[in-house]
Structure formats: structure tokens, C-alpha cells
Amino acid sequence: MVAWDAPRAARSRLRLAAFGIDISHEANGVYLPRFAKHTPMSQMPFSKPHSKTHTGQYFLNVEYLLEETIAEGLGRSEIIDTLREISEELESGNFPLRDVISRSV
């Protein structure tokens, strides 16, 4: 979810690091089809391909969810839960890649 080298993910990487969550933590990973030609997949019929995932709004949405989790006074385990929720939303094709997110995701 939080890209390890994208400049637009720098703030999200800082949020993870502040709570001792390594960028390579298992909760910060998701299996998605690589390209559009690999979709749909029987296991994830509605997921978007990884090659189409990292939009500008995607980075803002991930950052927003991490910041909201922190602002609620929640800690490391809840941030990990947030990453897992994002992963599930990506796998189901429900994570907004171009729309502004609201906390209801």
C-alpha cells in the first residue's frame, strides 16, 4: 500500500516509520494482477491491475487513512489493521483510485 520509493508516498513512509512499521511489513503488501491483460482474475474478479493503482489520488487516500488512524489516537496495531483493510479494498476493487476518500472505506 505504501510505496517504498515513490516520492508521493514519502509522508506515508514517515508515518509507518514513526510507529516502527517497516516498509516491508507483510501488512504493507498486496497481491494484485500486474497488468490489465491479467484481469479479471478468478480469485479477484474486480481488482484493478497494479499498473493502474498508483494514481495521485491513491497516494493521498492512503495517507489520509493513515493520518486518520493516528489522529484517533490509535497505535501501531491499528495502523497495521488499516493497511490490511486497504489491502482488502484493493483486492475487491473497492479502494478509490481516483476519488477522494471518506473514512467510511
PDB file of N, CA and C in Angstrom:
ATOM      1  N   MET A   1       0.807  -1.174   0.000  1.00  0.00           N
ATOM      2  CA  MET A   1       0.000   0.000   0.000  1.00  0.00           C
ATOM      3  C   MET A   1       0.862   1.254   0.000  1.00  0.00           C
ATOM      4  N   VAL A   2       1.793   1.336   0.945  1.00  0.00           N
ATOM      5  CA  VAL A   2       2.708   2.478   0.962  1.00  0.00           C
ATOM      6  C   VAL A   2       3.911   2.108   0.101  1.00  0.00           C
ATOM      7  N   ALA A   3       4.056   2.806  -1.007  1.00  0.00           N
ATOM      8  CA  ALA A   3       5.149   2.517  -1.947  1.00  0.00           C
ATOM      9  C   ALA A   3       6.499   2.825  -1.301  1.00  0.00           C
ATOM     10  N   TRP A   4       7.462   1.958  -1.551  1.00  0.00           N
ATOM     11  CA  TRP A   4       8.759   2.122  -0.886  1.00  0.00           C
ATOM     12  C   TRP A   4       9.631   3.193  -1.505  1.00  0.00           C
ATOM     13  N   ASP A   5       9.373   3.589  -2.766  1.00  0.00           N
ATOM     14  CA  ASP A   5      10.258   4.576  -3.385  1.00  0.00           C
ATOM     15  C   ASP A   5       9.551   5.736  -4.078  1.00  0.00           C
ATOM     16  N   ALA A   6       8.247   5.751  -4.101  1.00  0.00           N
ATOM     17  CA  ALA A   6       7.528   6.829  -4.787  1.00  0.00           C
ATOM     18  C   ALA A   6       7.586   8.108  -3.952  1.00  0.00           C
ATOM     19  N   PRO A   7       8.013   9.220  -4.562  1.00  0.00           N
ATOM     20  CA  PRO A   7       8.060  10.484  -3.819  1.00  0.00           C
ATOM     21  C   PRO A   7       6.712  10.855  -3.200  1.00  0.00           C
ATOM     22  N   ARG A   8       5.619  10.514  -3.871  1.00  0.00           N
ATOM     23  CA  ARG A   8       4.294  10.874  -3.356  1.00  0.00           C
ATOM     24  C   ARG A   8       3.904  10.067  -2.123  1.00  0.00           C
ATOM     25  N   ALA A   9       4.661   9.041  -1.807  1.00  0.00           N
ATOM     26  CA  ALA A   9       4.370   8.230  -0.619  1.00  0.00           C
ATOM     27  C   ALA A   9       5.289   8.569   0.554  1.00  0.00           C
ATOM     28  N   ALA A  10       6.102   9.605   0.416  1.00  0.00           N
ATOM     29  CA  ALA A  10       7.092   9.940   1.447  1.00  0.00           C
ATOM     30  C   ALA A  10       6.448  10.175   2.815  1.00  0.00           C
ATOM     31  N   ARG A  11       5.360  10.921   2.861  1.00  0.00           N
ATOM     32  CA  ARG A  11       4.707  11.199   4.149  1.00  0.00           C
ATOM     33  C   ARG A  11       4.146   9.923   4.766  1.00  0.00           C
ATOM     34  N   SER A  12       3.596   9.066   3.949  1.00  0.00           N
ATOM     35  CA  SER A  12       3.075   7.795   4.471  1.00  0.00           C
ATOM     36  C   SER A  12       4.203   6.921   5.009  1.00  0.00           C
ATOM     37  N   ARG A  13       5.349   6.916   4.330  1.00  0.00           N
ATOM     38  CA  ARG A  13       6.501   6.151   4.829  1.00  0.00           C
ATOM     39  C   ARG A  13       6.941   6.686   6.189  1.00  0.00           C
ATOM     40  N   LEU A  14       6.923   8.008   6.346  1.00  0.00           N
ATOM     41  CA  LEU A  14       7.280   8.605   7.634  1.00  0.00           C
ATOM     42  C   LEU A  14       6.307   8.176   8.723  1.00  0.00           C
ATOM     43  N   ARG A  15       5.023   8.104   8.385  1.00  0.00           N
ATOM     44  CA  ARG A  15       4.008   7.682   9.362  1.00  0.00           C
ATOM     45  C   ARG A  15       4.291   6.245   9.819  1.00  0.00           C
ATOM     46  N   LEU A  16       4.587   5.369   8.866  1.00  0.00           N
ATOM     47  CA  LEU A  16       4.888   3.984   9.233  1.00  0.00           C
ATOM     48  C   LEU A  16       6.136   3.914  10.106  1.00  0.00           C
ATOM     49  N   ALA A  17       7.178   4.609   9.697  1.00  0.00           N
ATOM     50  CA  ALA A  17       8.440   4.577  10.440  1.00  0.00           C
ATOM     51  C   ALA A  17       8.264   5.097  11.866  1.00  0.00           C
ATOM     52  N   ALA A  18       7.436   6.114  12.037  1.00  0.00           N
ATOM     53  CA  ALA A  18       7.210   6.689  13.363  1.00  0.00           C
ATOM     54  C   ALA A  18       6.607   5.672  14.332  1.00  0.00           C
ATOM     55  N   PHE A  19       5.928   4.671  13.790  1.00  0.00           N
ATOM     56  CA  PHE A  19       5.320   3.642  14.628  1.00  0.00           C
ATOM     57  C   PHE A  19       6.059   2.310  14.528  1.00  0.00           C
ATOM     58  N   GLY A  20       7.276   2.363  13.995  1.00  0.00           N
ATOM     59  CA  GLY A  20       8.110   1.167  13.934  1.00  0.00           C
ATOM     60  C   GLY A  20       7.618   0.107  12.970  1.00  0.00           C
ATOM     61  N   ILE A  21       6.922   0.550  11.925  1.00  0.00           N
ATOM     62  CA  ILE A  21       6.417  -0.389  10.925  1.00  0.00           C
ATOM     63  C   ILE A  21       7.319  -0.307   9.703  1.00  0.00           C
ATOM     64  N   ASP A  22       8.044  -1.377   9.447  1.00  0.00           N
ATOM     65  CA  ASP A  22       8.952  -1.421   8.307  1.00  0.00           C
ATOM     66  C   ASP A  22       8.158  -1.402   7.004  1.00  0.00           C
ATOM     67  N   ILE A  23       8.705  -0.760   6.007  1.00  0.00           N
ATOM     68  CA  ILE A  23       8.040  -0.679   4.700  1.00  0.00           C
ATOM     69  C   ILE A  23       7.802  -2.075   4.121  1.00  0.00           C
ATOM     70  N   SER A  24       8.602  -3.054   4.541  1.00  0.00           N
ATOM     71  CA  SER A  24       8.464  -4.429   4.052  1.00  0.00           C
ATOM     72  C   SER A  24       7.559  -5.289   4.934  1.00  0.00           C
ATOM     73  N   HIS A  25       6.899  -4.691   5.903  1.00  0.00           N
ATOM     74  CA  HIS A  25       5.982  -5.437   6.777  1.00  0.00           C
ATOM     75  C   HIS A  25       4.919  -6.118   5.924  1.00  0.00           C
ATOM     76  N   GLU A  26       4.548  -7.329   6.287  1.00  0.00           N
ATOM     77  CA  GLU A  26       3.590  -8.094   5.480  1.00  0.00           C
ATOM     78  C   GLU A  26       2.261  -7.368   5.287  1.00  0.00           C
ATOM     79  N   ALA A  27       1.861  -6.561   6.240  1.00  0.00           N
ATOM     80  CA  ALA A  27       0.589  -5.838   6.109  1.00  0.00           C
ATOM     81  C   ALA A  27       0.661  -4.735   5.058  1.00  0.00           C
ATOM     82  N   ASN A  28       1.870  -4.365   4.661  1.00  0.00           N
ATOM     83  CA  ASN A  28       2.040  -3.321   3.650  1.00  0.00           C
ATOM     84  C   ASN A  28       2.200  -3.917   2.251  1.00  0.00           C
ATOM     85  N   GLY A  29       1.695  -5.105   2.067  1.00  0.00           N
ATOM     86  CA  GLY A  29       1.775  -5.736   0.750  1.00  0.00           C
ATOM     87  C   GLY A  29       0.424  -6.265   0.323  1.00  0.00           C
ATOM     88  N   VAL A  30       0.238  -6.327  -0.964  1.00  0.00           N
ATOM     89  CA  VAL A  30      -0.999  -6.882  -1.505  1.00  0.00           C
ATOM     90  C   VAL A  30      -0.675  -7.520  -2.849  1.00  0.00           C
ATOM     91  N   TYR A  31      -1.297  -8.644  -3.117  1.00  0.00           N
ATOM     92  CA  TYR A  31      -1.129  -9.287  -4.415  1.00  0.00           C
ATOM     93  C   TYR A  31      -2.218  -8.775  -5.339  1.00  0.00           C
ATOM     94  N   LEU A  32      -1.806  -8.163  -6.432  1.00  0.00           N
ATOM     95  CA  LEU A  32      -2.729  -7.696  -7.463  1.00  0.00           C
ATOM     96  C   LEU A  32      -2.227  -8.185  -8.813  1.00  0.00           C
ATOM     97  N   PRO A  33      -3.127  -8.328  -9.779  1.00  0.00           N
ATOM     98  CA  PRO A  33      -2.661  -8.638 -11.131  1.00  0.00           C
ATOM     99  C   PRO A  33      -1.716  -7.523 -11.592  1.00  0.00           C
ATOM    100  N   ARG A  34      -0.666  -7.880 -12.312  1.00  0.00           N
ATOM    101  CA  ARG A  34       0.334  -6.879 -12.678  1.00  0.00           C
ATOM    102  C   ARG A  34      -0.171  -5.883 -13.716  1.00  0.00           C
ATOM    103  N   PHE A  35      -0.758  -6.373 -14.789  1.00  0.00           N
ATOM    104  CA  PHE A  35      -1.222  -5.508 -15.877  1.00  0.00           C
ATOM    105  C   PHE A  35      -2.689  -5.788 -16.175  1.00  0.00           C
ATOM    106  N   ALA A  36      -3.314  -4.893 -16.929  1.00  0.00           N
ATOM    107  CA  ALA A  36      -4.726  -5.052 -17.297  1.00  0.00           C
ATOM    108  C   ALA A  36      -4.963  -6.360 -18.047  1.00  0.00           C
ATOM    109  N   LYS A  37      -3.978  -6.800 -18.815  1.00  0.00           N
ATOM    110  CA  LYS A  37      -4.153  -8.051 -19.564  1.00  0.00           C
ATOM    111  C   LYS A  37      -4.288  -9.259 -18.636  1.00  0.00           C
ATOM    112  N   HIS A  38      -3.930  -9.095 -17.372  1.00  0.00           N
ATOM    113  CA  HIS A  38      -4.043 -10.175 -16.394  1.00  0.00           C
ATOM    114  C   HIS A  38      -5.370 -10.133 -15.632  1.00  0.00           C
ATOM    115  N   THR A  39      -6.248  -9.229 -16.007  1.00  0.00           N
ATOM    116  CA  THR A  39      -7.543  -9.124 -15.336  1.00  0.00           C
ATOM    117  C   THR A  39      -8.647  -9.547 -16.283  1.00  0.00           C
ATOM    118  N   PRO A  40      -9.752 -10.011 -15.780  1.00  0.00           N
ATOM    119  CA  PRO A  40     -10.005 -10.313 -14.371  1.00  0.00           C
ATOM    120  C   PRO A  40      -9.358 -11.634 -13.971  1.00  0.00           C
ATOM    121  N   MET A  41      -9.067 -11.747 -12.689  1.00  0.00           N
ATOM    122  CA  MET A  41      -8.553 -12.994 -12.121  1.00  0.00           C
ATOM    123  C   MET A  41      -9.701 -13.674 -11.393  1.00  0.00           C
ATOM    124  N   SER A  42      -9.757 -14.974 -11.465  1.00  0.00           N
ATOM    125  CA  SER A  42     -10.872 -15.686 -10.827  1.00  0.00           C
ATOM    126  C   SER A  42     -10.927 -15.431  -9.320  1.00  0.00           C
ATOM    127  N   GLN A  43      -9.765 -15.305  -8.678  1.00  0.00           N
ATOM    128  CA  GLN A  43      -9.731 -15.074  -7.234  1.00  0.00           C
ATOM    129  C   GLN A  43     -10.097 -13.637  -6.867  1.00  0.00           C
ATOM    130  N   MET A  44      -9.857 -12.701  -7.778  1.00  0.00           N
ATOM    131  CA  MET A  44     -10.121 -11.280  -7.541  1.00  0.00           C
ATOM    132  C   MET A  44     -10.731 -10.679  -8.802  1.00  0.00           C
ATOM    133  N   PRO A  45     -11.965 -11.007  -9.100  1.00  0.00           N
ATOM    134  CA  PRO A  45     -12.540 -10.599 -10.386  1.00  0.00           C
ATOM    135  C   PRO A  45     -12.701  -9.093 -10.572  1.00  0.00           C
ATOM    136  N   PHE A  46     -12.706  -8.331  -9.474  1.00  0.00           N
ATOM    137  CA  PHE A  46     -12.935  -6.891  -9.596  1.00  0.00           C
ATOM    138  C   PHE A  46     -11.709  -6.043  -9.268  1.00  0.00           C
ATOM    139  N   SER A  47     -10.590  -6.684  -8.948  1.00  0.00           N
ATOM    140  CA  SER A  47      -9.390  -5.919  -8.609  1.00  0.00           C
ATOM    141  C   SER A  47      -8.841  -5.212  -9.844  1.00  0.00           C
ATOM    142  N   LYS A  48      -8.238  -4.066  -9.594  1.00  0.00           N
ATOM    143  CA  LYS A  48      -7.589  -3.308 -10.658  1.00  0.00           C
ATOM    144  C   LYS A  48      -6.140  -3.784 -10.763  1.00  0.00           C
ATOM    145  N   PRO A  49      -5.547  -3.714 -11.935  1.00  0.00           N
ATOM    146  CA  PRO A  49      -4.147  -4.132 -12.061  1.00  0.00           C
ATOM    147  C   PRO A  49      -3.211  -3.172 -11.328  1.00  0.00           C
ATOM    148  N   HIS A  50      -2.133  -3.729 -10.825  1.00  0.00           N
ATOM    149  CA  HIS A  50      -1.151  -2.922 -10.104  1.00  0.00           C
ATOM    150  C   HIS A  50      -0.654  -1.757 -10.955  1.00  0.00           C
ATOM    151  N   SER A  51      -0.518  -1.974 -12.239  1.00  0.00           N
ATOM    152  CA  SER A  51      -0.006  -0.924 -13.129  1.00  0.00           C
ATOM    153  C   SER A  51      -0.922   0.297 -13.193  1.00  0.00           C
ATOM    154  N   LYS A  52      -2.165   0.170 -12.747  1.00  0.00           N
ATOM    155  CA  LYS A  52      -3.120   1.288 -12.773  1.00  0.00           C
ATOM    156  C   LYS A  52      -3.429   1.820 -11.372  1.00  0.00           C
ATOM    157  N   THR A  53      -2.796   1.265 -10.364  1.00  0.00           N
ATOM    158  CA  THR A  53      -3.161   1.566  -8.981  1.00  0.00           C
ATOM    159  C   THR A  53      -2.584   2.873  -8.457  1.00  0.00           C
ATOM    160  N   HIS A  54      -1.337   3.159  -8.724  1.00  0.00           N
ATOM    161  CA  HIS A  54      -0.660   4.276  -8.074  1.00  0.00           C
ATOM    162  C   HIS A  54      -0.964   5.624  -8.723  1.00  0.00           C
ATOM    163  N   THR A  55      -2.210   6.032  -8.594  1.00  0.00           N
ATOM    164  CA  THR A  55      -2.617   7.360  -9.055  1.00  0.00           C
ATOM    165  C   THR A  55      -2.280   8.376  -7.967  1.00  0.00           C
ATOM    166  N   GLY A  56      -2.283   9.633  -8.326  1.00  0.00           N
ATOM    167  CA  GLY A  56      -2.056  10.675  -7.327  1.00  0.00           C
ATOM    168  C   GLY A  56      -3.059  10.589  -6.195  1.00  0.00           C
ATOM    169  N   GLN A  57      -4.316  10.351  -6.538  1.00  0.00           N
ATOM    170  CA  GLN A  57      -5.349  10.266  -5.501  1.00  0.00           C
ATOM    171  C   GLN A  57      -5.172   9.029  -4.634  1.00  0.00           C
ATOM    172  N   TYR A  58      -4.679   7.952  -5.204  1.00  0.00           N
ATOM    173  CA  TYR A  58      -4.397   6.746  -4.415  1.00  0.00           C
ATOM    174  C   TYR A  58      -3.441   7.082  -3.276  1.00  0.00           C
ATOM    175  N   PHE A  59      -2.345   7.765  -3.595  1.00  0.00           N
ATOM    176  CA  PHE A  59      -1.365   8.117  -2.566  1.00  0.00           C
ATOM    177  C   PHE A  59      -1.991   9.003  -1.497  1.00  0.00           C
ATOM    178  N   LEU A  60      -2.808   9.968  -1.918  1.00  0.00           N
ATOM    179  CA  LEU A  60      -3.476  10.850  -0.959  1.00  0.00           C
ATOM    180  C   LEU A  60      -4.453  10.074  -0.082  1.00  0.00           C
ATOM    181  N   ASN A  61      -5.155   9.124  -0.665  1.00  0.00           N
ATOM    182  CA  ASN A  61      -6.120   8.340   0.103  1.00  0.00           C
ATOM    183  C   ASN A  61      -5.437   7.457   1.144  1.00  0.00           C
ATOM    184  N   VAL A  62      -4.342   6.825   0.764  1.00  0.00           N
ATOM    185  CA  VAL A  62      -3.596   6.004   1.723  1.00  0.00           C
ATOM    186  C   VAL A  62      -3.086   6.889   2.856  1.00  0.00           C
ATOM    187  N   GLU A  63      -2.510   8.025   2.502  1.00  0.00           N
ATOM    188  CA  GLU A  63      -2.002   8.956   3.511  1.00  0.00           C
ATOM    189  C   GLU A  63      -3.130   9.417   4.437  1.00  0.00           C
ATOM    190  N   TYR A  64      -4.272   9.748   3.862  1.00  0.00           N
ATOM    191  CA  TYR A  64      -5.421  10.190   4.656  1.00  0.00           C
ATOM    192  C   TYR A  64      -5.828   9.125   5.681  1.00  0.00           C
ATOM    193  N   LEU A  65      -5.935   7.886   5.245  1.00  0.00           N
ATOM    194  CA  LEU A  65      -6.352   6.823   6.162  1.00  0.00           C
ATOM    195  C   LEU A  65      -5.335   6.597   7.278  1.00  0.00           C
ATOM    196  N   LEU A  66      -4.057   6.675   6.945  1.00  0.00           N
ATOM    197  CA  LEU A  66      -3.030   6.541   7.983  1.00  0.00           C
ATOM    198  C   LEU A  66      -3.106   7.698   8.970  1.00  0.00           C
ATOM    199  N   GLU A  67      -3.246   8.917   8.453  1.00  0.00           N
ATOM    200  CA  GLU A  67      -3.325  10.092   9.325  1.00  0.00           C
ATOM    201  C   GLU A  67      -4.568  10.055  10.204  1.00  0.00           C
ATOM    202  N   GLU A  68      -5.686   9.604   9.659  1.00  0.00           N
ATOM    203  CA  GLU A  68      -6.917   9.499  10.453  1.00  0.00           C
ATOM    204  C   GLU A  68      -6.760   8.477  11.575  1.00  0.00           C
ATOM    205  N   THR A  69      -6.124   7.380  11.281  1.00  0.00           N
ATOM    206  CA  THR A  69      -5.894   6.353  12.300  1.00  0.00           C
ATOM    207  C   THR A  69      -5.042   6.922  13.425  1.00  0.00           C
ATOM    208  N   ILE A  70      -4.001   7.649  13.063  1.00  0.00           N
ATOM    209  CA  ILE A  70      -3.118   8.262  14.059  1.00  0.00           C
ATOM    210  C   ILE A  70      -3.856   9.346  14.834  1.00  0.00           C
ATOM    211  N   ALA A  71      -4.629  10.181  14.142  1.00  0.00           N
ATOM    212  CA  ALA A  71      -5.361  11.275  14.784  1.00  0.00           C
ATOM    213  C   ALA A  71      -6.380  10.760  15.801  1.00  0.00           C
ATOM    214  N   GLU A  72      -6.883   9.567  15.582  1.00  0.00           N
ATOM    215  CA  GLU A  72      -7.835   8.966  16.519  1.00  0.00           C
ATOM    216  C   GLU A  72      -7.130   8.431  17.763  1.00  0.00           C
ATOM    217  N   GLY A  73      -5.810   8.606  17.810  1.00  0.00           N
ATOM    218  CA  GLY A  73      -5.048   8.158  18.963  1.00  0.00           C
ATOM    219  C   GLY A  73      -4.760   6.671  18.963  1.00  0.00           C
ATOM    220  N   LEU A  74      -4.922   6.068  17.814  1.00  0.00           N
ATOM    221  CA  LEU A  74      -4.690   4.636  17.708  1.00  0.00           C
ATOM    222  C   LEU A  74      -3.218   4.376  17.427  1.00  0.00           C
ATOM    223  N   GLY A  75      -2.752   3.217  17.764  1.00  0.00           N
ATOM    224  CA  GLY A  75      -1.331   2.927  17.673  1.00  0.00           C
ATOM    225  C   GLY A  75      -0.936   1.992  16.554  1.00  0.00           C
ATOM    226  N   ARG A  76       0.209   1.367  16.770  1.00  0.00           N
ATOM    227  CA  ARG A  76       0.845   0.530  15.755  1.00  0.00           C
ATOM    228  C   ARG A  76      -0.077  -0.571  15.235  1.00  0.00           C
ATOM    229  N   SER A  77      -0.719  -1.305  16.129  1.00  0.00           N
ATOM    230  CA  SER A  77      -1.550  -2.426  15.677  1.00  0.00           C
ATOM    231  C   SER A  77      -2.738  -1.945  14.854  1.00  0.00           C
ATOM    232  N   GLU A  78      -3.290  -0.788  15.195  1.00  0.00           N
ATOM    233  CA  GLU A  78      -4.405  -0.256  14.415  1.00  0.00           C
ATOM    234  C   GLU A  78      -3.946   0.268  13.057  1.00  0.00           C
ATOM    235  N   ILE A  79      -2.735   0.784  12.990  1.00  0.00           N
ATOM    236  CA  ILE A  79      -2.191   1.213  11.695  1.00  0.00           C
ATOM    237  C   ILE A  79      -1.999  -0.014  10.803  1.00  0.00           C
ATOM    238  N   ILE A  80      -1.517  -1.086  11.386  1.00  0.00           N
ATOM    239  CA  ILE A  80      -1.375  -2.338  10.637  1.00  0.00           C
ATOM    240  C   ILE A  80      -2.745  -2.824  10.174  1.00  0.00           C
ATOM    241  N   ASP A  81      -3.745  -2.715  11.036  1.00  0.00           N
ATOM    242  CA  ASP A  81      -5.113  -3.077  10.637  1.00  0.00           C
ATOM    243  C   ASP A  81      -5.592  -2.214   9.477  1.00  0.00           C
ATOM    244  N   THR A  82      -5.272  -0.925   9.507  1.00  0.00           N
ATOM    245  CA  THR A  82      -5.656  -0.020   8.416  1.00  0.00           C
ATOM    246  C   THR A  82      -5.003  -0.461   7.113  1.00  0.00           C
ATOM    247  N   LEU A  83      -3.734  -0.826   7.164  1.00  0.00           N
ATOM    248  CA  LEU A  83      -3.054  -1.321   5.962  1.00  0.00           C
ATOM    249  C   LEU A  83      -3.739  -2.576   5.430  1.00  0.00           C
ATOM    250  N   ARG A  84      -4.130  -3.457   6.322  1.00  0.00           N
ATOM    251  CA  ARG A  84      -4.812  -4.691   5.898  1.00  0.00           C
ATOM    252  C   ARG A  84      -6.176  -4.388   5.277  1.00  0.00           C
ATOM    253  N   GLU A  85      -6.876  -3.397   5.834  1.00  0.00           N
ATOM    254  CA  GLU A  85      -8.168  -3.002   5.267  1.00  0.00           C
ATOM    255  C   GLU A  85      -7.989  -2.437   3.859  1.00  0.00           C
ATOM    256  N   ILE A  86      -6.949  -1.628   3.679  1.00  0.00           N
ATOM    257  CA  ILE A  86      -6.666  -1.084   2.348  1.00  0.00           C
ATOM    258  C   ILE A  86      -6.386  -2.231   1.379  1.00  0.00           C
ATOM    259  N   SER A  87      -5.608  -3.202   1.828  1.00  0.00           N
ATOM    260  CA  SER A  87      -5.294  -4.368   1.002  1.00  0.00           C
ATOM    261  C   SER A  87      -6.563  -5.085   0.557  1.00  0.00           C
ATOM    262  N   GLU A  88      -7.466  -5.314   1.498  1.00  0.00           N
ATOM    263  CA  GLU A  88      -8.727  -5.987   1.168  1.00  0.00           C
ATOM    264  C   GLU A  88      -9.541  -5.179   0.159  1.00  0.00           C
ATOM    265  N   GLU A  89      -9.558  -3.864   0.340  1.00  0.00           N
ATOM    266  CA  GLU A  89     -10.296  -3.000  -0.584  1.00  0.00           C
ATOM    267  C   GLU A  89      -9.669  -3.027  -1.982  1.00  0.00           C
ATOM    268  N   LEU A  90      -8.348  -3.077  -2.047  1.00  0.00           N
ATOM    269  CA  LEU A  90      -7.676  -3.171  -3.346  1.00  0.00           C
ATOM    270  C   LEU A  90      -7.998  -4.505  -4.019  1.00  0.00           C
ATOM    271  N   GLU A  91      -7.953  -5.580  -3.258  1.00  0.00           N
ATOM    272  CA  GLU A  91      -8.244  -6.898  -3.824  1.00  0.00           C
ATOM    273  C   GLU A  91      -9.677  -6.999  -4.331  1.00  0.00           C
ATOM    274  N   SER A  92     -10.603  -6.329  -3.650  1.00  0.00           N
ATOM    275  CA  SER A  92     -12.011  -6.392  -4.056  1.00  0.00           C
ATOM    276  C   SER A  92     -12.355  -5.363  -5.129  1.00  0.00           C
ATOM    277  N   GLY A  93     -11.398  -4.470  -5.430  1.00  0.00           N
ATOM    278  CA  GLY A  93     -11.647  -3.428  -6.423  1.00  0.00           C
ATOM    279  C   GLY A  93     -12.429  -2.250  -5.881  1.00  0.00           C
ATOM    280  N   ASN A  94     -12.542  -2.145  -4.553  1.00  0.00           N
ATOM    281  CA  ASN A  94     -13.340  -1.088  -3.938  1.00  0.00           C
ATOM    282  C   ASN A  94     -12.544   0.091  -3.403  1.00  0.00           C
ATOM    283  N   PHE A  95     -11.222   0.020  -3.446  1.00  0.00           N
ATOM    284  CA  PHE A  95     -10.443   1.156  -2.952  1.00  0.00           C
ATOM    285  C   PHE A  95     -10.438   2.247  -4.011  1.00  0.00           C
ATOM    286  N   PRO A  96     -10.804   3.481  -3.634  1.00  0.00           N
ATOM    287  CA  PRO A  96     -10.876   4.559  -4.626  1.00  0.00           C
ATOM    288  C   PRO A  96      -9.487   4.984  -5.116  1.00  0.00           C
ATOM    289  N   LEU A  97      -9.288   4.860  -6.405  1.00  0.00           N
ATOM    290  CA  LEU A  97      -8.012   5.231  -7.019  1.00  0.00           C
ATOM    291  C   LEU A  97      -8.042   6.642  -7.585  1.00  0.00           C
ATOM    292  N   ARG A  98      -9.229   7.151  -7.867  1.00  0.00           N
ATOM    293  CA  ARG A  98      -9.342   8.476  -8.471  1.00  0.00           C
ATOM    294  C   ARG A  98     -10.271   9.412  -7.710  1.00  0.00           C
ATOM    295  N   ASP A  99     -11.023   8.871  -6.773  1.00  0.00           N
ATOM    296  CA  ASP A  99     -11.966   9.675  -5.998  1.00  0.00           C
ATOM    297  C   ASP A  99     -11.402   9.953  -4.618  1.00  0.00           C
ATOM    298  N   VAL A 100     -11.791  11.099  -4.063  1.00  0.00           N
ATOM    299  CA  VAL A 100     -11.379  11.450  -2.707  1.00  0.00           C
ATOM    300  C   VAL A 100     -12.072  10.498  -1.741  1.00  0.00           C
ATOM    301  N   ILE A 101     -11.302  10.007  -0.809  1.00  0.00           N
ATOM    302  CA  ILE A 101     -11.813   9.001   0.116  1.00  0.00           C
ATOM    303  C   ILE A 101     -12.501   9.660   1.305  1.00  0.00           C
ATOM    304  N   SER A 102     -13.440   8.937   1.874  1.00  0.00           N
ATOM    305  CA  SER A 102     -14.008   9.317   3.161  1.00  0.00           C
ATOM    306  C   SER A 102     -13.715   8.179   4.119  1.00  0.00           C
ATOM    307  N   ARG A 103     -13.773   8.413   5.379  1.00  0.00           N
ATOM    308  CA  ARG A 103     -13.382   7.417   6.382  1.00  0.00           C
ATOM    309  C   ARG A 103     -14.235   6.157   6.330  1.00  0.00           C
ATOM    310  N   SER A 104     -15.333   6.174   5.621  1.00  0.00           N
ATOM    311  CA  SER A 104     -16.218   5.016   5.585  1.00  0.00           C
ATOM    312  C   SER A 104     -15.645   3.834   4.815  1.00  0.00           C
ATOM    313  N   VAL A 105     -14.503   4.000   4.162  1.00  0.00           N
ATOM    314  CA  VAL A 105     -13.903   2.891   3.402  1.00  0.00           C
ATOM    315  C   VAL A 105     -13.348   1.863   4.350  1.00  0.00           C
TER     316      VAL A 105
END
